Each structure stands twice: as structure tokens, then as C-alpha cells.
Amino acid sequence: MTNYQPDPDTVATQSISSEQLVNDLVDEATADHVNVIQTVIASLEQDQSAMVSQTDATYLWKFKYGSVEVFVQLTGLSDEDTLTVWASVLKLPAKDEAGLMRKVLEMNWAGTFEACFAIFNEQIVVLSTRTLAELSPGEISRLITIVATIADENDEALQAEFGAA
């Protein structure tokens, strides 16, 4: 068995610092997150409904899926930043709020996967959030799809049962 020793005359070396390599990888991953989000939204949206708002490092998308509007927010581009997806299913106040809370808590246990029902801005929403650290394209697609699907499958029934007080 022989050990491989590269020939220094034929091996090309680059004078890129390890910091630059890391920055390049981060930039590539960031662009990938944005591209994956846009691709998933394009596959789910209806009626060319997708809109995006962007500030320095924050992105906010909105699109229509079935009978709900889905929001996707990317708070920044570092590992500590978050991807948050939510969709409103019912405005508050509602009829029989105690019954509503019990129902959505039971649904949280049984059928929301990585999402959950929550209260935001005087509305019942379906919500999922995750830091960007080690976030894969499959996870991005799953989070957006789960929130959109659960919200669309439950909004009309919740509105019929617990609609405006």
C-alpha cells in the first residue's frame, strides 16, 4: 500500500483565506434559502398571488393558498435568524373562546406536525418557526407546505363553528 503524495508542481493552490471560503459558503447558503422559499411559494401559490417585501436582510412573502393567506418571513441570513411561516384561520374575538382554545390545543397535540395553532394579532394562526442553522431545502418546503395545508384545511370549519362573537 502506498501513500498518496501530491506533486507540488502540478497541484494548483489558491490563495483564498479560510474566512473568505466560509463567507462564500454562507452567501451561497443564504441565496439557496431565498431561492428555495421562492420556489416552494411558486409551486403552492394560486392566481399569481405571491408578493415579497425586502429590507436589508429581512424578507417577507405573502401568497394565497386555497382560502388562506400564508406569510413567510426570513428575519436575516445568519444561523441565528429564523424562518417563520404563519396563516390566519380565525379572527378574534370568537364565539365560545374556551371551546375554541380547547379544540386548537387538542389539534396541536394530534395533527399539526412541526406547526401549531397560536394567537397573533387578535387572530388564531397556524404557525411554524425554525432557526436557519442547518436548515435544509426539504425542511423549508415542509414547513411552508404544512402551515399552508393545515390552515386551508381548518379555517372554514373553525370559522363556521367559532366565527365572530
Protein backbone atom coordinates (compact mmCIF):
# COMPACT_ATOMS: atom_id res chain seq x y z
CA MET A 1 0.00 0.00 0.00
CA THR A 2 1.35 3.42 -0.92
CA ASN A 3 0.56 6.80 0.45
CA TYR A 4 -0.61 9.43 -1.97
CA GLN A 5 1.61 12.50 -2.04
CA PRO A 6 0.51 15.31 -4.35
CA ASP A 7 3.16 16.70 -6.68
CA PRO A 8 3.61 20.36 -5.63
CA ASP A 9 4.48 21.28 -9.23
CA THR A 10 1.13 20.08 -10.59
CA VAL A 11 -1.24 20.93 -7.75
CA ALA A 12 -2.90 24.30 -8.10
CA THR A 13 -3.16 26.24 -4.90
CA GLN A 14 -5.48 29.10 -4.25
CA SER A 15 -4.71 31.99 -2.02
CA ILE A 16 -8.20 32.22 -0.58
CA SER A 17 -8.37 32.61 3.16
CA SER A 18 -10.47 30.23 5.21
CA GLU A 19 -12.54 33.24 6.30
CA GLN A 20 -13.31 34.03 2.65
CA LEU A 21 -14.26 30.41 1.99
CA VAL A 22 -16.66 30.46 4.96
CA ASN A 23 -18.16 33.76 3.80
CA ASP A 24 -18.63 32.35 0.29
CA LEU A 25 -20.38 29.27 1.70
CA VAL A 26 -22.64 31.43 3.88
CA ASP A 27 -23.53 33.64 0.91
CA GLU A 28 -24.30 30.56 -1.18
CA ALA A 29 -26.44 29.01 1.57
CA THR A 30 -28.29 32.30 2.06
CA ALA A 31 -29.07 32.61 -1.62
CA ASP A 32 -30.18 28.99 -1.53
CA HIS A 33 -32.65 29.64 1.34
CA VAL A 34 -34.21 32.56 -0.52
CA ASN A 35 -34.34 30.61 -3.80
CA VAL A 36 -35.85 27.55 -2.11
CA ILE A 37 -38.51 29.67 -0.39
CA GLN A 38 -39.39 31.37 -3.67
CA THR A 39 -39.56 28.02 -5.48
CA VAL A 40 -41.84 26.49 -2.83
CA ILE A 41 -44.12 29.53 -2.87
CA ALA A 42 -44.27 29.45 -6.68
CA SER A 43 -45.36 25.80 -6.52
CA LEU A 44 -48.11 26.48 -3.95
CA GLU A 45 -49.45 29.94 -4.79
CA GLN A 46 -52.68 30.45 -6.66
CA ASP A 47 -53.69 33.21 -9.08
CA GLN A 48 -50.19 34.73 -9.26
CA SER A 49 -50.80 35.97 -5.72
CA ALA A 50 -47.24 35.94 -4.34
CA MET A 51 -45.77 39.22 -3.12
CA VAL A 52 -42.43 39.90 -1.44
CA SER A 53 -41.14 42.74 0.71
CA GLN A 54 -37.43 43.03 1.43
CA THR A 55 -35.36 45.26 3.70
CA ASP A 56 -31.63 44.94 4.35
CA ALA A 57 -31.62 41.31 5.47
CA THR A 58 -35.31 40.62 6.13
CA TYR A 59 -37.70 39.08 3.63
CA LEU A 60 -41.48 38.78 3.93
CA TRP A 61 -43.53 36.86 1.38
CA LYS A 62 -47.32 36.60 1.19
CA PHE A 63 -49.28 34.24 -1.03
CA LYS A 64 -52.75 32.73 -1.34
CA TYR A 65 -53.22 29.01 -0.79
CA GLY A 66 -56.78 27.76 -1.03
CA SER A 67 -58.86 30.01 1.22
CA VAL A 68 -55.96 31.36 3.34
CA GLU A 69 -53.16 33.90 3.01
CA VAL A 70 -49.81 32.45 4.00
CA PHE A 71 -46.91 34.59 5.25
CA VAL A 72 -43.25 33.53 5.15
CA GLN A 73 -40.68 35.64 6.99
CA LEU A 74 -36.91 35.30 6.90
CA THR A 75 -35.53 37.54 9.66
CA GLY A 76 -31.97 37.57 8.41
CA LEU A 77 -29.31 35.44 6.88
CA SER A 78 -27.25 34.09 9.79
CA ASP A 79 -27.65 30.74 11.56
CA GLU A 80 -29.34 32.51 14.50
CA ASP A 81 -32.00 34.13 12.30
CA THR A 82 -35.35 32.44 11.76
CA LEU A 83 -37.74 31.24 9.12
CA THR A 84 -41.31 31.79 10.33
CA VAL A 85 -44.41 30.70 8.43
CA TRP A 86 -47.96 31.55 9.51
CA ALA A 87 -51.51 31.77 8.20
CA SER A 88 -54.58 33.20 9.90
CA VAL A 89 -57.56 30.89 10.27
CA LEU A 90 -59.93 32.87 12.53
CA LYS A 91 -60.28 36.45 13.77
CA LEU A 92 -60.83 37.07 17.45
CA PRO A 93 -63.00 37.60 19.44
CA ALA A 94 -64.84 34.40 18.64
CA LYS A 95 -67.90 32.55 19.92
CA ASP A 96 -67.16 30.11 22.74
CA GLU A 97 -63.48 31.03 23.07
CA ALA A 98 -62.97 28.43 25.80
CA GLY A 99 -64.24 25.74 23.43
CA LEU A 100 -62.09 27.15 20.64
CA MET A 101 -58.96 27.10 22.81
CA ARG A 102 -59.63 23.51 23.85
CA LYS A 103 -60.15 22.47 20.24
CA VAL A 104 -56.95 24.06 18.91
CA LEU A 105 -54.90 22.74 21.85
CA GLU A 106 -56.18 19.24 21.11
CA MET A 107 -55.37 19.77 17.43
CA ASN A 108 -51.85 20.90 18.40
CA TRP A 109 -51.30 17.54 20.06
CA ALA A 110 -52.79 15.34 17.38
CA GLY A 111 -52.23 16.73 13.93
CA THR A 112 -50.09 19.77 13.35
CA PHE A 113 -46.67 18.11 12.90
CA GLU A 114 -43.99 20.85 13.16
CA ALA A 115 -46.65 23.58 13.21
CA CYS A 116 -49.03 24.71 15.94
CA PHE A 117 -52.07 26.88 16.48
CA ALA A 118 -51.34 30.17 18.23
CA ILE A 119 -52.76 33.65 18.84
CA PHE A 120 -51.16 36.52 16.92
CA ASN A 121 -52.58 39.99 16.28
CA GLU A 122 -56.04 39.05 17.60
CA GLN A 123 -56.21 36.05 15.27
CA ILE A 124 -55.87 32.29 15.56
CA VAL A 125 -52.99 31.33 13.27
CA VAL A 126 -51.20 28.18 12.21
CA LEU A 127 -47.51 28.81 12.88
CA SER A 128 -44.11 27.24 12.43
CA THR A 129 -40.71 28.75 13.14
CA ARG A 130 -37.15 27.44 12.89
CA THR A 131 -33.64 28.87 13.09
CA LEU A 132 -31.62 28.80 9.88
CA ALA A 133 -28.81 26.72 11.40
CA GLU A 134 -28.52 23.54 9.32
CA LEU A 135 -31.89 24.20 7.65
CA SER A 136 -32.29 22.02 4.57
CA PRO A 137 -34.35 22.74 1.44
CA GLY A 138 -36.62 19.83 2.40
CA GLU A 139 -37.34 21.38 5.80
CA ILE A 140 -38.14 24.74 4.19
CA SER A 141 -40.57 23.08 1.81
CA ARG A 142 -42.14 21.00 4.58
CA LEU A 143 -42.68 23.96 6.95
CA ILE A 144 -44.33 26.13 4.30
CA THR A 145 -46.45 23.26 2.98
CA ILE A 146 -47.57 22.09 6.44
CA VAL A 147 -48.67 25.56 7.55
CA ALA A 148 -50.48 26.28 4.27
CA THR A 149 -52.23 22.90 4.22
CA ILE A 150 -53.29 22.82 7.88
CA ALA A 151 -54.58 26.39 7.70
CA ASP A 152 -56.51 25.75 4.49
CA GLU A 153 -57.99 22.50 5.79
CA ASN A 154 -59.20 24.06 9.07
CA ASP A 155 -60.08 27.73 8.52
CA GLU A 156 -63.60 27.28 7.16
CA ALA A 157 -64.61 24.71 9.81
CA LEU A 158 -63.24 26.88 12.64
CA GLN A 159 -64.98 29.97 11.22
CA ALA A 160 -68.27 28.08 10.92
CA GLU A 161 -68.08 26.76 14.48
CA PHE A 162 -66.46 29.69 16.29
CA GLY A 163 -66.85 32.70 13.94
CA ALA A 164 -67.26 36.30 15.14
CA ALA A 165 -68.82 36.72 18.54
